[in-house]
Structures are given as C-alpha cells and as structure tokens.
Amino acid sequence: MKNLSFYINRLANGQVRFCKKMLLVLGLSMTILILVQVFFRYVVDESISWSEEAARYLMVWMGALGAVVALRQGRHIGVRVLVERLPENSYDRFIVPLVQVTIGTFLFFLFWQGVELAVFNYDQLSPALEIPMLFPYAAVPIGALMMILDIFADMLEDRWPTPAGSRANLAAATLEGSKTGDSCQTGEEAK
C-alpha cells in the first residue's frame, strides 16, 4: 500500500504542476484578450464580438484548475471553531477522515452531475465562438475528478506517508517560501 500511496501522490503532484502551468497560460491568454478587447473598443472604436465569451470560458477553466491547486496545497477556506474545541487526538482519528469522505462524496456528485450537464449540452454551440458548449461545461467534471484524485492521495498519505505526499510538498514549499521571504503561513504553521 505504501507504493500505491507513493505513486498516487506523485500523480496528484504531477496534476498540480500541470494545473499551475495551465493557470499561467490561461491567465496570460485572458489578460491579453481583455487588453486587446479594451484597445479595440476604446481606441479603434470596434468591438471584438467573441472576446468576452472567450474570457468568460477561460475564467471558468481557471476556477476549476485553481481549485485543484488550492486543495492540494491546503489553501481552501475552513472554519475551525468547532474542531479546535474537540480533544486533540480526535482530530486526526475522526475529523480528518470524516471531512475527506464528505468532500470526496460531494466531489463525486459534482463530477457525475457535471458529466451529465456537459453531455446534455454537447451539441449546443456557444453564441459568439460557435464552439460546442461541452468545452466550457467540461471544466466542472474534470476539476472535480482531479480533486477526487487529490482527496484519495491525501487519504493514502494519512495512512501510509511517503516522500511524494502533500505534507512533504507543503514542507518543501514552506522552506522554499522562507528562503524567498514569503510570509504566507498554512493553517498548521499558524498554530
């Protein structure tokens, strides 16, 4: 099982690296597209008909891929008022697995409904770009599936820790951040 944990965590790390690169590409593309649109609208006095729709779809994909990165790095918002009042040993034993299963279940239903929505809208074309609506709608199930892999990797990491796990990556990022002067702290560091 330790080997499975190692390889699943490596896969999850690889998808986060891919997501970070795609976020950079999508963000730059969206920024350039919007700047060109503003230039054409206010300087040339002509509007690019498809730019707003393309920027909207790029933003949807950025949200889905950004959620994957945030989940892996433990950057999603969490309310810890109740958890902090529980006995210390119950957190790792009961609360973390309960949260992981709950999030995994939610993501499974999000994936399932996202696939149904994407397939349902497969033959519908977007108004300006005239591309199948499958492409923008696919961000939901793909993002959910990637986050499910992340949750599964974390569950394996909790039982069978490996050097490829999210905690090892978080520790490396913390060390890297302290070398560069980054003062962001994770929830674990802030305690």
C-alpha atoms as a PDB file:
ATOM      1  CA  MET A   1       0.000   0.000   0.000  1.00  0.00           C
ATOM      2  CA  LYS A   2       2.934   2.319   0.597  1.00  0.00           C
ATOM      3  CA  ASN A   3       3.870   2.006  -3.097  1.00  0.00           C
ATOM      4  CA  LEU A   4       0.294   2.809  -4.117  1.00  0.00           C
ATOM      5  CA  SER A   5       0.354   5.838  -1.819  1.00  0.00           C
ATOM      6  CA  PHE A   6       3.653   6.969  -3.338  1.00  0.00           C
ATOM      7  CA  TYR A   7       2.507   6.669  -6.956  1.00  0.00           C
ATOM      8  CA  ILE A   8      -0.945   8.181  -6.385  1.00  0.00           C
ATOM      9  CA  ASN A   9       0.678  11.122  -4.573  1.00  0.00           C
ATOM     10  CA  ARG A  10       3.173  11.521  -7.420  1.00  0.00           C
ATOM     11  CA  LEU A  11       0.277  11.554  -9.864  1.00  0.00           C
ATOM     12  CA  ALA A  12      -1.540  14.154  -7.755  1.00  0.00           C
ATOM     13  CA  ASN A  13       1.638  16.277  -7.632  1.00  0.00           C
ATOM     14  CA  GLY A  14       2.016  15.948 -11.392  1.00  0.00           C
ATOM     15  CA  GLN A  15      -1.522  17.124 -11.990  1.00  0.00           C
ATOM     16  CA  VAL A  16      -0.906  20.127  -9.729  1.00  0.00           C
ATOM     17  CA  ARG A  17       2.212  21.029 -11.736  1.00  0.00           C
ATOM     18  CA  PHE A  18       0.147  20.704 -14.923  1.00  0.00           C
ATOM     19  CA  CYS A  19      -2.640  22.851 -13.424  1.00  0.00           C
ATOM     20  CA  LYS A  20      -0.158  25.562 -12.408  1.00  0.00           C
ATOM     21  CA  LYS A  21       1.235  25.721 -15.942  1.00  0.00           C
ATOM     22  CA  MET A  22      -2.261  25.810 -17.420  1.00  0.00           C
ATOM     23  CA  LEU A  23      -3.278  28.541 -14.982  1.00  0.00           C
ATOM     24  CA  LEU A  24      -0.354  30.621 -16.180  1.00  0.00           C
ATOM     25  CA  VAL A  25      -1.260  30.055 -19.840  1.00  0.00           C
ATOM     26  CA  LEU A  26      -4.978  30.682 -19.277  1.00  0.00           C
ATOM     27  CA  GLY A  27      -4.340  33.765 -17.141  1.00  0.00           C
ATOM     28  CA  LEU A  28      -1.973  35.307 -19.669  1.00  0.00           C
ATOM     29  CA  SER A  29      -4.333  34.476 -22.527  1.00  0.00           C
ATOM     30  CA  MET A  30      -7.274  36.033 -20.725  1.00  0.00           C
ATOM     31  CA  THR A  31      -5.290  39.144 -19.790  1.00  0.00           C
ATOM     32  CA  ILE A  32      -4.043  39.671 -23.351  1.00  0.00           C
ATOM     33  CA  LEU A  33      -7.504  39.019 -24.770  1.00  0.00           C
ATOM     34  CA  ILE A  34      -9.132  41.553 -22.450  1.00  0.00           C
ATOM     35  CA  LEU A  35      -6.428  44.178 -23.108  1.00  0.00           C
ATOM     36  CA  VAL A  36      -6.863  43.732 -26.865  1.00  0.00           C
ATOM     37  CA  GLN A  37     -10.639  43.989 -26.439  1.00  0.00           C
ATOM     38  CA  VAL A  38     -10.319  47.217 -24.438  1.00  0.00           C
ATOM     39  CA  PHE A  39      -7.910  48.642 -27.027  1.00  0.00           C
ATOM     40  CA  PHE A  40     -10.260  47.801 -29.904  1.00  0.00           C
ATOM     41  CA  ARG A  41     -13.339  49.073 -28.098  1.00  0.00           C
ATOM     42  CA  TYR A  42     -11.969  52.424 -26.899  1.00  0.00           C
ATOM     43  CA  VAL A  43      -9.165  53.245 -29.340  1.00  0.00           C
ATOM     44  CA  VAL A  44     -10.197  51.658 -32.634  1.00  0.00           C
ATOM     45  CA  ASP A  45     -13.914  52.042 -31.800  1.00  0.00           C
ATOM     46  CA  GLU A  46     -14.633  48.490 -32.943  1.00  0.00           C
ATOM     47  CA  SER A  47     -15.531  45.587 -30.716  1.00  0.00           C
ATOM     48  CA  ILE A  48     -14.330  42.003 -30.971  1.00  0.00           C
ATOM     49  CA  SER A  49     -17.555  40.049 -30.782  1.00  0.00           C
ATOM     50  CA  TRP A  50     -16.201  36.846 -29.245  1.00  0.00           C
ATOM     51  CA  SER A  51     -13.635  38.167 -26.748  1.00  0.00           C
ATOM     52  CA  GLU A  52     -15.925  38.496 -23.724  1.00  0.00           C
ATOM     53  CA  GLU A  53     -17.270  34.984 -24.176  1.00  0.00           C
ATOM     54  CA  ALA A  54     -13.765  33.548 -24.586  1.00  0.00           C
ATOM     55  CA  ALA A  55     -12.584  35.382 -21.459  1.00  0.00           C
ATOM     56  CA  ARG A  56     -15.557  34.017 -19.526  1.00  0.00           C
ATOM     57  CA  TYR A  57     -14.761  30.430 -20.539  1.00  0.00           C
ATOM     58  CA  LEU A  58     -11.076  30.909 -19.724  1.00  0.00           C
ATOM     59  CA  MET A  59     -12.110  32.149 -16.267  1.00  0.00           C
ATOM     60  CA  VAL A  60     -14.304  29.074 -15.722  1.00  0.00           C
ATOM     61  CA  TRP A  61     -11.349  26.810 -16.502  1.00  0.00           C
ATOM     62  CA  MET A  62      -9.066  28.885 -14.276  1.00  0.00           C
ATOM     63  CA  GLY A  63     -11.511  28.440 -11.399  1.00  0.00           C
ATOM     64  CA  ALA A  64     -11.676  24.674 -11.866  1.00  0.00           C
ATOM     65  CA  LEU A  65      -7.909  24.201 -12.167  1.00  0.00           C
ATOM     66  CA  GLY A  66      -7.182  26.708  -9.399  1.00  0.00           C
ATOM     67  CA  ALA A  67      -9.439  24.744  -7.039  1.00  0.00           C
ATOM     68  CA  VAL A  68      -7.302  21.646  -7.698  1.00  0.00           C
ATOM     69  CA  VAL A  69      -4.106  23.501  -6.782  1.00  0.00           C
ATOM     70  CA  ALA A  70      -5.695  25.069  -3.703  1.00  0.00           C
ATOM     71  CA  LEU A  71      -6.984  21.704  -2.463  1.00  0.00           C
ATOM     72  CA  ARG A  72      -3.587  20.037  -2.810  1.00  0.00           C
ATOM     73  CA  GLN A  73      -1.857  22.881  -1.000  1.00  0.00           C
ATOM     74  CA  GLY A  74      -4.458  23.111   1.774  1.00  0.00           C
ATOM     75  CA  ARG A  75      -5.454  26.652   0.776  1.00  0.00           C
ATOM     76  CA  HIS A  76      -9.237  26.307   0.742  1.00  0.00           C
ATOM     77  CA  ILE A  77     -11.157  28.212   3.385  1.00  0.00           C
ATOM     78  CA  GLY A  78     -12.007  26.237   6.511  1.00  0.00           C
ATOM     79  CA  VAL A  79     -13.918  27.114   9.665  1.00  0.00           C
ATOM     80  CA  ARG A  80     -12.114  25.531  12.606  1.00  0.00           C
ATOM     81  CA  VAL A  81     -14.126  26.858  15.575  1.00  0.00           C
ATOM     82  CA  LEU A  82     -15.740  23.507  16.367  1.00  0.00           C
ATOM     83  CA  VAL A  83     -12.642  21.443  15.557  1.00  0.00           C
ATOM     84  CA  GLU A  84     -10.454  23.482  17.909  1.00  0.00           C
ATOM     85  CA  ARG A  85     -12.804  22.662  20.808  1.00  0.00           C
ATOM     86  CA  LEU A  86     -12.512  18.882  20.307  1.00  0.00           C
ATOM     87  CA  PRO A  87      -9.962  16.714  22.119  1.00  0.00           C
ATOM     88  CA  GLU A  88      -6.629  16.769  20.294  1.00  0.00           C
ATOM     89  CA  ASN A  89      -6.421  13.070  19.406  1.00  0.00           C
ATOM     90  CA  SER A  90      -9.910  13.049  17.837  1.00  0.00           C
ATOM     91  CA  TYR A  91      -8.871  15.422  15.059  1.00  0.00           C
ATOM     92  CA  ASP A  92      -6.556  13.067  13.127  1.00  0.00           C
ATOM     93  CA  ARG A  93      -8.528   9.968  14.031  1.00  0.00           C
ATOM     94  CA  PHE A  94     -12.093  11.043  13.286  1.00  0.00           C
ATOM     95  CA  ILE A  95     -12.452  14.560  11.921  1.00  0.00           C
ATOM     96  CA  VAL A  96      -9.920  14.421   9.067  1.00  0.00           C
ATOM     97  CA  PRO A  97     -11.272  11.135   7.609  1.00  0.00           C
ATOM     98  CA  LEU A  98     -14.858  12.392   8.012  1.00  0.00           C
ATOM     99  CA  VAL A  99     -14.023  15.613   6.174  1.00  0.00           C
ATOM    100  CA  GLN A 100     -12.160  13.723   3.442  1.00  0.00           C
ATOM    101  CA  VAL A 101     -15.059  11.321   2.871  1.00  0.00           C
ATOM    102  CA  THR A 102     -17.584  14.181   2.900  1.00  0.00           C
ATOM    103  CA  ILE A 103     -15.599  16.249   0.410  1.00  0.00           C
ATOM    104  CA  GLY A 104     -14.958  13.178  -1.747  1.00  0.00           C
ATOM    105  CA  THR A 105     -18.672  12.343  -1.794  1.00  0.00           C
ATOM    106  CA  PHE A 106     -19.579  15.916  -2.724  1.00  0.00           C
ATOM    107  CA  LEU A 107     -16.942  15.924  -5.487  1.00  0.00           C
ATOM    108  CA  PHE A 108     -18.241  12.601  -6.819  1.00  0.00           C
ATOM    109  CA  PHE A 109     -21.762  14.038  -7.165  1.00  0.00           C
ATOM    110  CA  LEU A 110     -20.318  17.215  -8.693  1.00  0.00           C
ATOM    111  CA  PHE A 111     -18.398  15.067 -11.201  1.00  0.00           C
ATOM    112  CA  TRP A 112     -21.442  12.965 -12.018  1.00  0.00           C
ATOM    113  CA  GLN A 113     -23.759  15.950 -12.491  1.00  0.00           C
ATOM    114  CA  GLY A 114     -21.047  17.818 -14.410  1.00  0.00           C
ATOM    115  CA  VAL A 115     -20.693  14.937 -16.863  1.00  0.00           C
ATOM    116  CA  GLU A 116     -24.465  14.822 -17.356  1.00  0.00           C
ATOM    117  CA  LEU A 117     -24.587  18.590 -17.945  1.00  0.00           C
ATOM    118  CA  ALA A 118     -21.641  18.533 -20.363  1.00  0.00           C
ATOM    119  CA  VAL A 119     -23.098  15.623 -22.346  1.00  0.00           C
ATOM    120  CA  PHE A 120     -26.556  17.230 -22.376  1.00  0.00           C
ATOM    121  CA  ASN A 121     -25.081  20.432 -23.875  1.00  0.00           C
ATOM    122  CA  TYR A 122     -22.721  18.653 -26.261  1.00  0.00           C
ATOM    123  CA  ASP A 123     -24.482  19.714 -29.458  1.00  0.00           C
ATOM    124  CA  GLN A 124     -25.308  23.249 -28.310  1.00  0.00           C
ATOM    125  CA  LEU A 125     -22.996  25.900 -29.765  1.00  0.00           C
ATOM    126  CA  SER A 126     -21.836  28.974 -27.875  1.00  0.00           C
ATOM    127  CA  PRO A 127     -23.310  32.206 -29.236  1.00  0.00           C
ATOM    128  CA  ALA A 128     -20.145  34.076 -30.246  1.00  0.00           C
ATOM    129  CA  LEU A 129     -17.369  31.493 -30.577  1.00  0.00           C
ATOM    130  CA  GLU A 130     -19.684  28.825 -32.017  1.00  0.00           C
ATOM    131  CA  ILE A 131     -17.839  26.032 -30.211  1.00  0.00           C
ATOM    132  CA  PRO A 132     -19.654  23.105 -28.559  1.00  0.00           C
ATOM    133  CA  MET A 133     -20.693  24.004 -25.016  1.00  0.00           C
ATOM    134  CA  LEU A 134     -19.094  20.722 -23.988  1.00  0.00           C
ATOM    135  CA  PHE A 135     -15.762  22.560 -23.687  1.00  0.00           C
ATOM    136  CA  PRO A 136     -16.773  25.155 -21.071  1.00  0.00           C
ATOM    137  CA  TYR A 137     -19.008  22.693 -19.209  1.00  0.00           C
ATOM    138  CA  ALA A 138     -16.244  20.075 -19.096  1.00  0.00           C
ATOM    139  CA  ALA A 139     -14.337  22.231 -16.587  1.00  0.00           C
ATOM    140  CA  VAL A 140     -16.677  21.110 -13.798  1.00  0.00           C
ATOM    141  CA  PRO A 141     -16.304  17.316 -14.095  1.00  0.00           C
ATOM    142  CA  ILE A 142     -12.606  17.482 -14.963  1.00  0.00           C
ATOM    143  CA  GLY A 143     -11.865  19.748 -11.980  1.00  0.00           C
ATOM    144  CA  ALA A 144     -13.967  17.539  -9.696  1.00  0.00           C
ATOM    145  CA  LEU A 145     -12.220  14.373 -10.915  1.00  0.00           C
ATOM    146  CA  MET A 146      -8.803  15.923 -10.329  1.00  0.00           C
ATOM    147  CA  MET A 147      -9.838  16.945  -6.809  1.00  0.00           C
ATOM    148  CA  ILE A 148     -11.119  13.410  -6.132  1.00  0.00           C
ATOM    149  CA  LEU A 149      -7.648  12.123  -7.011  1.00  0.00           C
ATOM    150  CA  ASP A 150      -6.235  14.701  -4.595  1.00  0.00           C
ATOM    151  CA  ILE A 151      -8.530  13.599  -1.766  1.00  0.00           C
ATOM    152  CA  PHE A 152      -7.675   9.944  -2.440  1.00  0.00           C
ATOM    153  CA  ALA A 153      -3.948  10.783  -2.401  1.00  0.00           C
ATOM    154  CA  ASP A 154      -4.365  12.594   0.934  1.00  0.00           C
ATOM    155  CA  MET A 155      -6.278   9.667   2.422  1.00  0.00           C
ATOM    156  CA  LEU A 156      -3.485   7.295   1.390  1.00  0.00           C
ATOM    157  CA  GLU A 157      -0.873   9.750   2.667  1.00  0.00           C
ATOM    158  CA  ASP A 158      -2.538   9.851   6.085  1.00  0.00           C
ATOM    159  CA  ARG A 159      -2.280   6.075   6.454  1.00  0.00           C
ATOM    160  CA  TRP A 160       0.955   5.423   4.520  1.00  0.00           C
ATOM    161  CA  PRO A 161       3.123   8.575   4.419  1.00  0.00           C
ATOM    162  CA  THR A 162       5.591   8.845   1.541  1.00  0.00           C
ATOM    163  CA  PRO A 163       8.126  11.429   0.338  1.00  0.00           C
ATOM    164  CA  ALA A 164       5.713  12.255  -2.503  1.00  0.00           C
ATOM    165  CA  GLY A 165       2.831  13.170  -0.175  1.00  0.00           C
ATOM    166  CA  SER A 166       1.170  16.560   0.146  1.00  0.00           C
ATOM    167  CA  ARG A 167       2.675  17.136   3.597  1.00  0.00           C
ATOM    168  CA  ALA A 168       6.182  16.617   2.201  1.00  0.00           C
ATOM    169  CA  ASN A 169       5.388  19.047  -0.613  1.00  0.00           C
ATOM    170  CA  LEU A 170       3.935  21.529   1.840  1.00  0.00           C
ATOM    171  CA  ALA A 171       7.077  21.334   3.978  1.00  0.00           C
ATOM    172  CA  ALA A 172       9.263  21.855   0.894  1.00  0.00           C
ATOM    173  CA  ALA A 173       7.148  24.826  -0.198  1.00  0.00           C
ATOM    174  CA  THR A 174       7.364  26.276   3.313  1.00  0.00           C
ATOM    175  CA  LEU A 175      11.141  26.002   3.280  1.00  0.00           C
ATOM    176  CA  GLU A 176      11.247  27.477  -0.200  1.00  0.00           C
ATOM    177  CA  GLY A 177       8.947  30.310   0.896  1.00  0.00           C
ATOM    178  CA  SER A 178      11.108  31.095   3.936  1.00  0.00           C
ATOM    179  CA  LYS A 179      14.189  31.287   1.705  1.00  0.00           C
ATOM    180  CA  THR A 180      12.477  33.748  -0.629  1.00  0.00           C
ATOM    181  CA  GLY A 181      10.951  35.764   2.192  1.00  0.00           C
ATOM    182  CA  ASP A 182       7.378  34.653   1.558  1.00  0.00           C
ATOM    183  CA  SER A 183       5.448  35.214   4.762  1.00  0.00           C
ATOM    184  CA  CYS A 184       2.329  33.148   3.925  1.00  0.00           C
ATOM    185  CA  GLN A 185       1.522  30.565   6.546  1.00  0.00           C
ATOM    186  CA  THR A 186      -0.600  27.478   6.314  1.00  0.00           C
ATOM    187  CA  GLY A 187      -3.141  26.579   8.967  1.00  0.00           C
ATOM    188  CA  GLU A 188      -0.654  24.160  10.563  1.00  0.00           C
ATOM    189  CA  GLU A 189       2.097  26.800  10.751  1.00  0.00           C
ATOM    190  CA  ALA A 190      -0.147  29.470  12.200  1.00  0.00           C
ATOM    191  CA  LYS A 191      -0.865  27.390  15.342  1.00  0.00           C
END
